[in-house]
Amino acid sequence: MTQSSRHPRDTERRAAGTPDAPRHEAIDLGHITLRALVWGPVDGPVAVCLHGFPDSAWTWRLLAPELVAAGYRVVAPFTRGYSPSDIPLDKDFHVAALAYDARAIHRAVGAGRDAVLIGHDWGALTVNALAHRTDNPYSAVVAMSVPPIPAIRRAIADGPGAVRLLARQATMSWYIGFNQLPWLPERSLGWLIPLLWRRWRLRRAGDPRPDYDGDIDHALAALPTRAHRSAALGYYRAVRRPRTDARYADLRDDWLGEPRCRTLYLHGADDGCMQSRFTDHVRTVLPEGSATAVVAGAGHFLHLDRPEEVHRRIVMFLAQTRGGGQGGTEPASFVD
């Protein structure tokens, strides 16, 4: 079946008959309502999973059953502006707003002190922002594919190789500047999203082509109107407009700080979006009890390229850190 003739609902219908099928739930945060895919027991410790761009909550379909088997209730929202979640009335898409939402989700779903937060891409930036705060309600976090900003800055300042690193990254990150242009990106996501998936989802010589067509479908389905597309692009445009709505002002600069919460950071060795060299200094900016690994044979979507490896590391890390205090940094072994 071709991409044009397949619809994401087909995936949902197939999933509906399996034990791993998610429930669809609305999460009223007061200032916005998010829709989420939810797996697992209603009374289990909560794992909130945040997707990035160009993606959707369905990106967690493989990890969620593993977390459920470990006892978690998995809540994977479509983040603000991604259908079927609301487009925020304040039109604010700064990382501070995303972190505000993630903190509000903890309260809205009745999560406890043992809740954990997992994020990929923009979700990772959100995770890193909350991990910096002393009032972070999550006991541990997992971030993938975008290192903490202080680690990136140290990599850039790390000797003569920095010029080469930056030059190569500039060619890989062309889409960021493109996404900040007016009106043109809204008309281009139909070809840009498939292009980025095909460049970022690792394909190795001799291996079958990765099954990313369904993820492309879900990403496009989450941006069905011009308003939704503008919302997703607003994440990039907000980088150039650092001022935020007053509601989020207290969190404005947290995404630039070092994590203070126990953190597992994972990155694909062959990431086509952000070079793995940017992870060289991640360990030096993480607190005690944290862990980090570069996963071989994985690209930007490492949780889909190498699911067994990534799942093992996440579940093991969470098992080692489970039961810690709110935002705490109790010791835990490195998963390496």
C-alpha atoms as a PDB file:
ATOM      1  CA  MET A   1       0.000   0.000   0.000  1.00  0.00           C
ATOM      2  CA  THR A   2       1.377   3.418  -0.878  1.00  0.00           C
ATOM      3  CA  GLN A   3       1.764   6.280   1.546  1.00  0.00           C
ATOM      4  CA  SER A   4      -0.980   8.253  -0.173  1.00  0.00           C
ATOM      5  CA  SER A   5      -3.520   5.421   0.128  1.00  0.00           C
ATOM      6  CA  ARG A   6      -2.741   4.462   3.707  1.00  0.00           C
ATOM      7  CA  HIS A   7      -4.171   6.362   6.663  1.00  0.00           C
ATOM      8  CA  PRO A   8      -3.005   6.431  10.286  1.00  0.00           C
ATOM      9  CA  ARG A   9      -6.413   5.112  11.326  1.00  0.00           C
ATOM     10  CA  ASP A  10      -5.398   1.807   9.723  1.00  0.00           C
ATOM     11  CA  THR A  11      -2.595   1.528  12.264  1.00  0.00           C
ATOM     12  CA  GLU A  12      -4.973   2.381  15.081  1.00  0.00           C
ATOM     13  CA  ARG A  13      -7.502  -0.226  13.942  1.00  0.00           C
ATOM     14  CA  ARG A  14      -4.830  -2.910  13.765  1.00  0.00           C
ATOM     15  CA  ALA A  15      -3.592  -1.928  17.212  1.00  0.00           C
ATOM     16  CA  ALA A  16      -7.088  -1.962  18.689  1.00  0.00           C
ATOM     17  CA  GLY A  17      -7.174  -5.736  18.659  1.00  0.00           C
ATOM     18  CA  THR A  18      -3.838  -6.169  20.438  1.00  0.00           C
ATOM     19  CA  PRO A  19      -3.000  -6.133  24.145  1.00  0.00           C
ATOM     20  CA  ASP A  20      -0.637  -3.220  23.547  1.00  0.00           C
ATOM     21  CA  ALA A  21      -3.357  -0.918  22.183  1.00  0.00           C
ATOM     22  CA  PRO A  22      -3.479   2.501  23.893  1.00  0.00           C
ATOM     23  CA  ARG A  23      -6.484   4.274  25.293  1.00  0.00           C
ATOM     24  CA  HIS A  24      -7.286   7.776  24.033  1.00  0.00           C
ATOM     25  CA  GLU A  25      -7.720  10.253  26.870  1.00  0.00           C
ATOM     26  CA  ALA A  26      -8.107  14.015  27.279  1.00  0.00           C
ATOM     27  CA  ILE A  27      -5.960  15.820  29.852  1.00  0.00           C
ATOM     28  CA  ASP A  28      -7.426  19.129  30.999  1.00  0.00           C
ATOM     29  CA  LEU A  29      -4.551  21.320  32.182  1.00  0.00           C
ATOM     30  CA  GLY A  30      -6.773  24.329  32.794  1.00  0.00           C
ATOM     31  CA  HIS A  31      -4.972  26.569  30.321  1.00  0.00           C
ATOM     32  CA  ILE A  32      -5.096  23.954  27.538  1.00  0.00           C
ATOM     33  CA  THR A  33      -6.489  20.475  26.865  1.00  0.00           C
ATOM     34  CA  LEU A  34      -4.104  17.865  25.526  1.00  0.00           C
ATOM     35  CA  ARG A  35      -5.115  14.512  24.069  1.00  0.00           C
ATOM     36  CA  ALA A  36      -2.928  11.548  24.899  1.00  0.00           C
ATOM     37  CA  LEU A  37      -2.333   7.903  24.193  1.00  0.00           C
ATOM     38  CA  VAL A  38      -2.368   5.988  27.462  1.00  0.00           C
ATOM     39  CA  TRP A  39      -1.184   2.466  28.212  1.00  0.00           C
ATOM     40  CA  GLY A  40      -1.153   0.422  31.385  1.00  0.00           C
ATOM     41  CA  PRO A  41      -2.914   0.285  34.761  1.00  0.00           C
ATOM     42  CA  VAL A  42      -4.831   3.305  35.990  1.00  0.00           C
ATOM     43  CA  ASP A  43      -3.063   3.166  39.357  1.00  0.00           C
ATOM     44  CA  GLY A  44       0.538   2.516  38.296  1.00  0.00           C
ATOM     45  CA  PRO A  45       3.430   4.971  38.653  1.00  0.00           C
ATOM     46  CA  VAL A  46       3.284   7.392  35.749  1.00  0.00           C
ATOM     47  CA  ALA A  47       5.716   7.695  32.846  1.00  0.00           C
ATOM     48  CA  VAL A  48       4.994  10.784  30.737  1.00  0.00           C
ATOM     49  CA  CYS A  49       6.481  10.544  27.216  1.00  0.00           C
ATOM     50  CA  LEU A  50       6.940  13.639  25.028  1.00  0.00           C
ATOM     51  CA  HIS A  51       7.486  13.475  21.262  1.00  0.00           C
ATOM     52  CA  GLY A  52       9.395  15.861  19.011  1.00  0.00           C
ATOM     53  CA  PHE A  53       9.280  17.056  15.390  1.00  0.00           C
ATOM     54  CA  PRO A  54       8.316  15.757  12.910  1.00  0.00           C
ATOM     55  CA  ASP A  55       6.574  13.142  15.010  1.00  0.00           C
ATOM     56  CA  SER A  56       3.552  12.321  17.147  1.00  0.00           C
ATOM     57  CA  ALA A  57       2.588  10.491  20.329  1.00  0.00           C
ATOM     58  CA  TRP A  58       2.564   7.253  18.307  1.00  0.00           C
ATOM     59  CA  THR A  59       6.359   7.283  18.374  1.00  0.00           C
ATOM     60  CA  TRP A  60       6.111   5.657  21.830  1.00  0.00           C
ATOM     61  CA  ARG A  61       4.102   2.635  20.664  1.00  0.00           C
ATOM     62  CA  LEU A  62       7.093   0.279  21.039  1.00  0.00           C
ATOM     63  CA  LEU A  63       8.470   1.618  24.329  1.00  0.00           C
ATOM     64  CA  ALA A  64       5.088   1.903  26.066  1.00  0.00           C
ATOM     65  CA  PRO A  65       4.429  -1.875  26.403  1.00  0.00           C
ATOM     66  CA  GLU A  66       7.911  -2.324  27.901  1.00  0.00           C
ATOM     67  CA  LEU A  67       7.197   0.366  30.479  1.00  0.00           C
ATOM     68  CA  VAL A  68       3.809  -1.194  31.216  1.00  0.00           C
ATOM     69  CA  ALA A  69       5.533  -4.545  31.795  1.00  0.00           C
ATOM     70  CA  ALA A  70       7.735  -2.715  34.307  1.00  0.00           C
ATOM     71  CA  GLY A  71       4.610  -1.506  36.119  1.00  0.00           C
ATOM     72  CA  TYR A  72       4.131   1.985  34.695  1.00  0.00           C
ATOM     73  CA  ARG A  73       1.090   3.822  33.412  1.00  0.00           C
ATOM     74  CA  VAL A  74       2.321   5.506  30.230  1.00  0.00           C
ATOM     75  CA  VAL A  75       0.877   8.876  29.219  1.00  0.00           C
ATOM     76  CA  ALA A  76       1.999  10.102  25.784  1.00  0.00           C
ATOM     77  CA  PRO A  77       0.370  13.433  24.906  1.00  0.00           C
ATOM     78  CA  PHE A  78       0.226  15.070  21.523  1.00  0.00           C
ATOM     79  CA  THR A  79       2.061  18.213  22.602  1.00  0.00           C
ATOM     80  CA  ARG A  80       0.509  21.667  22.286  1.00  0.00           C
ATOM     81  CA  GLY A  81      -0.568  22.493  18.750  1.00  0.00           C
ATOM     82  CA  TYR A  82      -0.427  18.907  17.491  1.00  0.00           C
ATOM     83  CA  SER A  83      -3.845  17.464  16.642  1.00  0.00           C
ATOM     84  CA  PRO A  84      -5.939  16.216  18.367  1.00  0.00           C
ATOM     85  CA  SER A  85      -4.578  18.398  21.206  1.00  0.00           C
ATOM     86  CA  ASP A  86      -5.568  22.040  21.402  1.00  0.00           C
ATOM     87  CA  ILE A  87      -3.730  24.891  19.742  1.00  0.00           C
ATOM     88  CA  PRO A  88      -2.967  27.219  22.682  1.00  0.00           C
ATOM     89  CA  LEU A  89      -4.824  30.501  22.706  1.00  0.00           C
ATOM     90  CA  ASP A  90      -1.637  32.342  23.705  1.00  0.00           C
ATOM     91  CA  LYS A  91       0.187  30.955  20.612  1.00  0.00           C
ATOM     92  CA  ASP A  92       3.277  30.447  22.800  1.00  0.00           C
ATOM     93  CA  PHE A  93       5.533  27.558  21.775  1.00  0.00           C
ATOM     94  CA  HIS A  94       8.667  28.418  23.735  1.00  0.00           C
ATOM     95  CA  VAL A  95      10.362  25.555  25.610  1.00  0.00           C
ATOM     96  CA  ALA A  96       9.149  27.269  28.786  1.00  0.00           C
ATOM     97  CA  ALA A  97       5.545  26.712  27.678  1.00  0.00           C
ATOM     98  CA  LEU A  98       6.272  23.061  26.884  1.00  0.00           C
ATOM     99  CA  ALA A  99       7.868  22.600  30.313  1.00  0.00           C
ATOM    100  CA  TYR A 100       4.873  24.289  31.944  1.00  0.00           C
ATOM    101  CA  ASP A 101       2.593  21.789  30.214  1.00  0.00           C
ATOM    102  CA  ALA A 102       4.742  18.821  31.293  1.00  0.00           C
ATOM    103  CA  ARG A 103       4.666  19.977  34.894  1.00  0.00           C
ATOM    104  CA  ALA A 104       0.900  20.495  34.709  1.00  0.00           C
ATOM    105  CA  ILE A 105       0.423  16.985  33.260  1.00  0.00           C
ATOM    106  CA  HIS A 106       1.991  15.525  36.410  1.00  0.00           C
ATOM    107  CA  ARG A 107      -0.674  17.208  38.503  1.00  0.00           C
ATOM    108  CA  ALA A 108      -3.581  16.594  36.117  1.00  0.00           C
ATOM    109  CA  VAL A 109      -3.077  12.818  35.854  1.00  0.00           C
ATOM    110  CA  GLY A 110      -2.566  12.394  39.586  1.00  0.00           C
ATOM    111  CA  ALA A 111       1.059  11.322  39.280  1.00  0.00           C
ATOM    112  CA  GLY A 112       3.078  10.663  42.414  1.00  0.00           C
ATOM    113  CA  ARG A 113       6.631  11.252  43.568  1.00  0.00           C
ATOM    114  CA  ASP A 114       7.710   8.164  41.589  1.00  0.00           C
ATOM    115  CA  ALA A 115       6.635   9.583  38.210  1.00  0.00           C
ATOM    116  CA  VAL A 116       9.226   9.802  35.418  1.00  0.00           C
ATOM    117  CA  LEU A 117       9.490  12.008  32.337  1.00  0.00           C
ATOM    118  CA  ILE A 118      10.802  10.813  28.959  1.00  0.00           C
ATOM    119  CA  GLY A 119      11.385  13.002  25.920  1.00  0.00           C
ATOM    120  CA  HIS A 120      12.773  12.827  22.390  1.00  0.00           C
ATOM    121  CA  ASP A 121      13.906  15.797  20.253  1.00  0.00           C
ATOM    122  CA  TRP A 122      11.749  18.777  21.385  1.00  0.00           C
ATOM    123  CA  GLY A 123      10.574  16.466  24.143  1.00  0.00           C
ATOM    124  CA  ALA A 124      14.216  16.145  25.225  1.00  0.00           C
ATOM    125  CA  LEU A 125      14.589  19.938  25.421  1.00  0.00           C
ATOM    126  CA  THR A 126      11.460  19.987  27.587  1.00  0.00           C
ATOM    127  CA  VAL A 127      12.803  17.202  29.800  1.00  0.00           C
ATOM    128  CA  ASN A 128      16.136  18.987  30.205  1.00  0.00           C
ATOM    129  CA  ALA A 129      14.347  22.203  31.185  1.00  0.00           C
ATOM    130  CA  LEU A 130      12.359  20.564  33.960  1.00  0.00           C
ATOM    131  CA  ALA A 131      15.370  18.545  35.106  1.00  0.00           C
ATOM    132  CA  HIS A 132      17.122  21.848  35.836  1.00  0.00           C
ATOM    133  CA  ARG A 133      14.475  22.954  38.325  1.00  0.00           C
ATOM    134  CA  THR A 134      14.604  22.189  42.035  1.00  0.00           C
ATOM    135  CA  ASP A 135      10.798  21.928  42.029  1.00  0.00           C
ATOM    136  CA  ASN A 136      10.742  19.348  39.233  1.00  0.00           C
ATOM    137  CA  PRO A 137       7.907  16.953  40.182  1.00  0.00           C
ATOM    138  CA  TYR A 138       9.456  13.969  38.336  1.00  0.00           C
ATOM    139  CA  SER A 139      11.853  11.702  40.212  1.00  0.00           C
ATOM    140  CA  ALA A 140      13.949  10.849  37.129  1.00  0.00           C
ATOM    141  CA  VAL A 141      14.064  11.825  33.471  1.00  0.00           C
ATOM    142  CA  VAL A 142      15.161  10.280  30.179  1.00  0.00           C
ATOM    143  CA  ALA A 143      16.227  12.510  27.281  1.00  0.00           C
ATOM    144  CA  MET A 144      17.075  11.380  23.759  1.00  0.00           C
ATOM    145  CA  SER A 145      18.706  12.955  20.698  1.00  0.00           C
ATOM    146  CA  VAL A 146      19.144  16.538  21.975  1.00  0.00           C
ATOM    147  CA  PRO A 147      21.774  16.906  24.729  1.00  0.00           C
ATOM    148  CA  PRO A 148      21.503  19.472  27.525  1.00  0.00           C
ATOM    149  CA  ILE A 149      22.503  22.890  26.197  1.00  0.00           C
ATOM    150  CA  PRO A 150      25.524  23.219  28.557  1.00  0.00           C
ATOM    151  CA  ALA A 151      26.934  19.979  27.084  1.00  0.00           C
ATOM    152  CA  ILE A 152      26.472  21.328  23.556  1.00  0.00           C
ATOM    153  CA  ARG A 153      28.260  24.540  24.498  1.00  0.00           C
ATOM    154  CA  ARG A 154      31.193  22.590  25.942  1.00  0.00           C
ATOM    155  CA  ALA A 155      31.454  20.523  22.764  1.00  0.00           C
ATOM    156  CA  ILE A 156      31.534  23.689  20.676  1.00  0.00           C
ATOM    157  CA  ALA A 157      34.318  25.133  22.831  1.00  0.00           C
ATOM    158  CA  ASP A 158      36.326  21.901  22.799  1.00  0.00           C
ATOM    159  CA  GLY A 159      39.450  22.637  20.775  1.00  0.00           C
ATOM    160  CA  PRO A 160      40.247  22.932  17.067  1.00  0.00           C
ATOM    161  CA  GLY A 161      37.727  20.300  16.001  1.00  0.00           C
ATOM    162  CA  ALA A 162      34.898  22.640  16.982  1.00  0.00           C
ATOM    163  CA  VAL A 163      34.992  24.507  13.671  1.00  0.00           C
ATOM    164  CA  ARG A 164      34.554  21.275  11.716  1.00  0.00           C
ATOM    165  CA  LEU A 165      31.831  20.166  14.111  1.00  0.00           C
ATOM    166  CA  LEU A 166      29.878  23.375  13.676  1.00  0.00           C
ATOM    167  CA  ALA A 167      30.331  23.462   9.896  1.00  0.00           C
ATOM    168  CA  ARG A 168      28.967  19.954   9.512  1.00  0.00           C
ATOM    169  CA  GLN A 169      26.121  20.624  11.917  1.00  0.00           C
ATOM    170  CA  ALA A 170      25.142  23.744   9.980  1.00  0.00           C
ATOM    171  CA  THR A 171      24.570  21.643   6.866  1.00  0.00           C
ATOM    172  CA  MET A 172      22.553  19.107   8.874  1.00  0.00           C
ATOM    173  CA  SER A 173      20.442  21.787  10.580  1.00  0.00           C
ATOM    174  CA  TRP A 174      19.402  23.728   7.470  1.00  0.00           C
ATOM    175  CA  TYR A 175      15.762  22.827   8.155  1.00  0.00           C
ATOM    176  CA  ILE A 176      15.806  24.887  11.382  1.00  0.00           C
ATOM    177  CA  GLY A 177      16.400  28.130   9.500  1.00  0.00           C
ATOM    178  CA  PHE A 178      13.896  27.064   6.867  1.00  0.00           C
ATOM    179  CA  ASN A 179      11.229  26.374   9.516  1.00  0.00           C
ATOM    180  CA  GLN A 180      11.656  29.921  10.847  1.00  0.00           C
ATOM    181  CA  LEU A 181      10.749  31.537   7.525  1.00  0.00           C
ATOM    182  CA  PRO A 182       7.278  33.100   7.174  1.00  0.00           C
ATOM    183  CA  TRP A 183       4.429  31.193   5.431  1.00  0.00           C
ATOM    184  CA  LEU A 184       6.614  29.025   3.116  1.00  0.00           C
ATOM    185  CA  PRO A 185       7.246  26.178   5.632  1.00  0.00           C
ATOM    186  CA  GLU A 186       3.504  25.779   6.242  1.00  0.00           C
ATOM    187  CA  ARG A 187       3.145  24.927   2.545  1.00  0.00           C
ATOM    188  CA  SER A 188       6.181  22.629   2.531  1.00  0.00           C
ATOM    189  CA  LEU A 189       5.647  20.141   5.358  1.00  0.00           C
ATOM    190  CA  GLY A 190       4.089  17.655   2.937  1.00  0.00           C
ATOM    191  CA  TRP A 191       7.548  17.020   1.444  1.00  0.00           C
ATOM    192  CA  LEU A 192       9.749  18.188   4.327  1.00  0.00           C
ATOM    193  CA  ILE A 193       8.440  15.687   6.892  1.00  0.00           C
ATOM    194  CA  PRO A 194       9.006  12.601   4.688  1.00  0.00           C
ATOM    195  CA  LEU A 195      12.437  13.953   3.718  1.00  0.00           C
ATOM    196  CA  LEU A 196      13.550  14.373   7.330  1.00  0.00           C
ATOM    197  CA  TRP A 197      12.305  10.921   8.321  1.00  0.00           C
ATOM    198  CA  ARG A 198      14.169   9.302   5.437  1.00  0.00           C
ATOM    199  CA  ARG A 199      17.369  11.176   6.292  1.00  0.00           C
ATOM    200  CA  TRP A 200      17.171  10.680  10.046  1.00  0.00           C
ATOM    201  CA  ARG A 201      15.845   7.122  10.344  1.00  0.00           C
ATOM    202  CA  LEU A 202      18.939   4.954  10.020  1.00  0.00           C
ATOM    203  CA  ARG A 203      19.224   2.644   7.042  1.00  0.00           C
ATOM    204  CA  ARG A 204      22.187   0.285   6.992  1.00  0.00           C
ATOM    205  CA  ALA A 205      23.585  -1.433   3.905  1.00  0.00           C
ATOM    206  CA  GLY A 206      22.150  -4.913   3.558  1.00  0.00           C
ATOM    207  CA  ASP A 207      19.311  -4.292   6.024  1.00  0.00           C
ATOM    208  CA  PRO A 208      15.670  -3.921   4.959  1.00  0.00           C
ATOM    209  CA  ARG A 209      14.352  -0.399   4.652  1.00  0.00           C
ATOM    210  CA  PRO A 210      13.131   0.928   8.035  1.00  0.00           C
ATOM    211  CA  ASP A 211       9.355   0.956   8.363  1.00  0.00           C
ATOM    212  CA  TYR A 212       8.940   4.707   8.792  1.00  0.00           C
ATOM    213  CA  ASP A 213       5.986   5.280   6.466  1.00  0.00           C
ATOM    214  CA  GLY A 214       3.471   4.825   9.273  1.00  0.00           C
ATOM    215  CA  ASP A 215       5.307   7.380  11.401  1.00  0.00           C
ATOM    216  CA  ILE A 216       5.278   9.841   8.513  1.00  0.00           C
ATOM    217  CA  ASP A 217       1.534   9.314   8.195  1.00  0.00           C
ATOM    218  CA  HIS A 218       1.012   9.951  11.901  1.00  0.00           C
ATOM    219  CA  ALA A 219       3.198  13.066  11.835  1.00  0.00           C
ATOM    220  CA  LEU A 220       1.240  14.502   8.907  1.00  0.00           C
ATOM    221  CA  ALA A 221      -2.095  13.531  10.492  1.00  0.00           C
ATOM    222  CA  ALA A 222      -1.136  15.500  13.619  1.00  0.00           C
ATOM    223  CA  LEU A 223      -0.790  18.640  11.450  1.00  0.00           C
ATOM    224  CA  PRO A 224      -4.027  18.579   9.426  1.00  0.00           C
ATOM    225  CA  THR A 225      -4.580  22.325   9.054  1.00  0.00           C
ATOM    226  CA  ARG A 226      -2.506  25.422   8.430  1.00  0.00           C
ATOM    227  CA  ALA A 227      -3.055  26.416  12.065  1.00  0.00           C
ATOM    228  CA  HIS A 228      -1.619  23.118  13.297  1.00  0.00           C
ATOM    229  CA  ARG A 229       1.341  23.405  10.936  1.00  0.00           C
ATOM    230  CA  SER A 230       2.009  26.932  12.154  1.00  0.00           C
ATOM    231  CA  ALA A 231       1.873  25.629  15.717  1.00  0.00           C
ATOM    232  CA  ALA A 232       4.515  22.949  15.100  1.00  0.00           C
ATOM    233  CA  LEU A 233       6.716  25.454  13.266  1.00  0.00           C
ATOM    234  CA  GLY A 234       6.159  27.847  16.155  1.00  0.00           C
ATOM    235  CA  TYR A 235       8.486  25.694  18.265  1.00  0.00           C
ATOM    236  CA  TYR A 236      11.336  26.777  15.974  1.00  0.00           C
ATOM    237  CA  ARG A 237      10.205  30.364  15.564  1.00  0.00           C
ATOM    238  CA  ALA A 238      10.017  30.790  19.343  1.00  0.00           C
ATOM    239  CA  VAL A 239      13.788  30.285  19.539  1.00  0.00           C
ATOM    240  CA  ARG A 240      14.190  33.676  17.853  1.00  0.00           C
ATOM    241  CA  ARG A 241      11.545  35.254  20.098  1.00  0.00           C
ATOM    242  CA  PRO A 242      12.776  34.447  23.596  1.00  0.00           C
ATOM    243  CA  ARG A 243      10.054  36.433  25.360  1.00  0.00           C
ATOM    244  CA  THR A 244       7.266  34.252  26.672  1.00  0.00           C
ATOM    245  CA  ASP A 245       3.757  34.656  27.969  1.00  0.00           C
ATOM    246  CA  ALA A 246       3.765  35.810  31.596  1.00  0.00           C
ATOM    247  CA  ARG A 247       2.412  32.411  32.663  1.00  0.00           C
ATOM    248  CA  TYR A 248       5.664  30.723  31.616  1.00  0.00           C
ATOM    249  CA  ALA A 249       8.141  33.481  32.503  1.00  0.00           C
ATOM    250  CA  ASP A 250       9.476  31.655  35.556  1.00  0.00           C
ATOM    251  CA  LEU A 251      10.623  28.759  33.331  1.00  0.00           C
ATOM    252  CA  ARG A 252      12.025  30.848  30.477  1.00  0.00           C
ATOM    253  CA  ASP A 253      15.733  30.088  30.928  1.00  0.00           C
ATOM    254  CA  ASP A 254      15.598  26.623  32.497  1.00  0.00           C
ATOM    255  CA  TRP A 255      16.239  24.843  29.195  1.00  0.00           C
ATOM    256  CA  LEU A 256      19.692  26.477  29.122  1.00  0.00           C
ATOM    257  CA  GLY A 257      20.735  25.107  32.532  1.00  0.00           C
ATOM    258  CA  GLU A 258      22.386  21.918  33.745  1.00  0.00           C
ATOM    259  CA  PRO A 259      20.060  19.105  34.853  1.00  0.00           C
ATOM    260  CA  ARG A 260      19.732  18.679  38.612  1.00  0.00           C
ATOM    261  CA  CYS A 261      17.527  15.588  38.453  1.00  0.00           C
ATOM    262  CA  ARG A 262      18.766  12.056  37.813  1.00  0.00           C
ATOM    263  CA  THR A 263      18.939  11.789  34.046  1.00  0.00           C
ATOM    264  CA  LEU A 264      19.473   9.068  31.471  1.00  0.00           C
ATOM    265  CA  TYR A 265      20.706  10.562  28.215  1.00  0.00           C
ATOM    266  CA  LEU A 266      20.733   8.454  25.018  1.00  0.00           C
ATOM    267  CA  HIS A 267      21.892   9.384  21.511  1.00  0.00           C
ATOM    268  CA  GLY A 268      22.139   7.472  18.249  1.00  0.00           C
ATOM    269  CA  ALA A 269      25.715   7.015  17.041  1.00  0.00           C
ATOM    270  CA  ASP A 270      24.616   7.734  13.456  1.00  0.00           C
ATOM    271  CA  ASP A 271      22.142  10.521  14.203  1.00  0.00           C
ATOM    272  CA  GLY A 272      21.559  12.466  10.971  1.00  0.00           C
ATOM    273  CA  CYS A 273      19.949  15.398  12.790  1.00  0.00           C
ATOM    274  CA  MET A 274      22.516  16.124  15.517  1.00  0.00           C
ATOM    275  CA  GLN A 275      26.003  14.657  15.553  1.00  0.00           C
ATOM    276  CA  SER A 276      26.846  12.298  18.377  1.00  0.00           C
ATOM    277  CA  ARG A 277      30.017  14.380  18.991  1.00  0.00           C
ATOM    278  CA  PHE A 278      27.769  16.817  20.839  1.00  0.00           C
ATOM    279  CA  THR A 279      27.389  14.186  23.562  1.00  0.00           C
ATOM    280  CA  ASP A 280      31.101  14.198  24.474  1.00  0.00           C
ATOM    281  CA  HIS A 281      30.526  16.318  27.571  1.00  0.00           C
ATOM    282  CA  VAL A 282      27.060  15.156  28.638  1.00  0.00           C
ATOM    283  CA  ARG A 283      28.355  13.201  31.628  1.00  0.00           C
ATOM    284  CA  THR A 284      30.098  16.272  32.986  1.00  0.00           C
ATOM    285  CA  VAL A 285      26.848  18.269  33.209  1.00  0.00           C
ATOM    286  CA  LEU A 286      24.624  15.559  34.724  1.00  0.00           C
ATOM    287  CA  PRO A 287      24.152  15.077  38.480  1.00  0.00           C
ATOM    288  CA  GLU A 288      25.051  12.050  40.561  1.00  0.00           C
ATOM    289  CA  GLY A 289      22.944   9.011  39.778  1.00  0.00           C
ATOM    290  CA  SER A 290      22.721   9.828  36.083  1.00  0.00           C
ATOM    291  CA  ALA A 291      23.685   7.719  33.076  1.00  0.00           C
ATOM    292  CA  THR A 292      24.466   8.249  29.413  1.00  0.00           C
ATOM    293  CA  ALA A 293      25.125   6.131  26.338  1.00  0.00           C
ATOM    294  CA  VAL A 294      25.623   6.497  22.596  1.00  0.00           C
ATOM    295  CA  VAL A 295      23.697   3.663  20.948  1.00  0.00           C
ATOM    296  CA  ALA A 296      25.491   1.996  18.035  1.00  0.00           C
ATOM    297  CA  GLY A 297      23.576   1.382  14.828  1.00  0.00           C
ATOM    298  CA  ALA A 298      20.934   3.998  15.622  1.00  0.00           C
ATOM    299  CA  GLY A 299      19.948   7.305  14.041  1.00  0.00           C
ATOM    300  CA  HIS A 300      17.880  10.220  15.342  1.00  0.00           C
ATOM    301  CA  PHE A 301      14.876   8.007  16.096  1.00  0.00           C
ATOM    302  CA  LEU A 302      17.003   5.591  18.123  1.00  0.00           C
ATOM    303  CA  HIS A 303      14.004   4.251  20.059  1.00  0.00           C
ATOM    304  CA  LEU A 304      12.685   2.957  16.725  1.00  0.00           C
ATOM    305  CA  ASP A 305      16.018   2.012  15.111  1.00  0.00           C
ATOM    306  CA  ARG A 306      17.275  -0.019  18.084  1.00  0.00           C
ATOM    307  CA  PRO A 307      14.191  -0.578  20.261  1.00  0.00           C
ATOM    308  CA  GLU A 308      15.468  -3.568  22.234  1.00  0.00           C
ATOM    309  CA  GLU A 309      18.717  -1.827  23.182  1.00  0.00           C
ATOM    310  CA  VAL A 310      17.054   1.485  24.019  1.00  0.00           C
ATOM    311  CA  HIS A 311      14.221  -0.174  25.952  1.00  0.00           C
ATOM    312  CA  ARG A 312      16.680  -2.225  27.991  1.00  0.00           C
ATOM    313  CA  ARG A 313      18.649   0.854  28.988  1.00  0.00           C
ATOM    314  CA  ILE A 314      15.559   2.876  29.895  1.00  0.00           C
ATOM    315  CA  VAL A 315      13.869   0.133  31.914  1.00  0.00           C
ATOM    316  CA  MET A 316      17.106  -0.695  33.749  1.00  0.00           C
ATOM    317  CA  PHE A 317      17.796   2.937  34.580  1.00  0.00           C
ATOM    318  CA  LEU A 318      14.276   3.517  35.863  1.00  0.00           C
ATOM    319  CA  ALA A 319      14.456   0.340  37.950  1.00  0.00           C
ATOM    320  CA  GLN A 320      17.697   1.560  39.533  1.00  0.00           C
ATOM    321  CA  THR A 321      16.327   5.005  40.301  1.00  0.00           C
ATOM    322  CA  ARG A 322      12.754   4.041  41.232  1.00  0.00           C
ATOM    323  CA  GLY A 323      11.421   5.184  44.540  1.00  0.00           C
ATOM    324  CA  GLY A 324      13.656   8.238  44.909  1.00  0.00           C
ATOM    325  CA  GLY A 325      12.447  11.519  46.343  1.00  0.00           C
ATOM    326  CA  GLN A 326      10.840  14.278  44.337  1.00  0.00           C
ATOM    327  CA  GLY A 327      13.438  15.712  41.971  1.00  0.00           C
ATOM    328  CA  GLY A 328      16.114  13.876  43.942  1.00  0.00           C
ATOM    329  CA  THR A 329      19.586  12.774  42.928  1.00  0.00           C
ATOM    330  CA  GLU A 330      20.165   9.558  44.865  1.00  0.00           C
ATOM    331  CA  PRO A 331      23.039   7.384  43.556  1.00  0.00           C
ATOM    332  CA  ALA A 332      22.406   4.944  40.738  1.00  0.00           C
ATOM    333  CA  SER A 333      24.753   2.904  38.578  1.00  0.00           C
ATOM    334  CA  PHE A 334      25.609   4.086  35.082  1.00  0.00           C
ATOM    335  CA  VAL A 335      24.023   1.985  32.360  1.00  0.00           C
ATOM    336  CA  ASP A 336      26.960   1.552  30.035  1.00  0.00           C
END
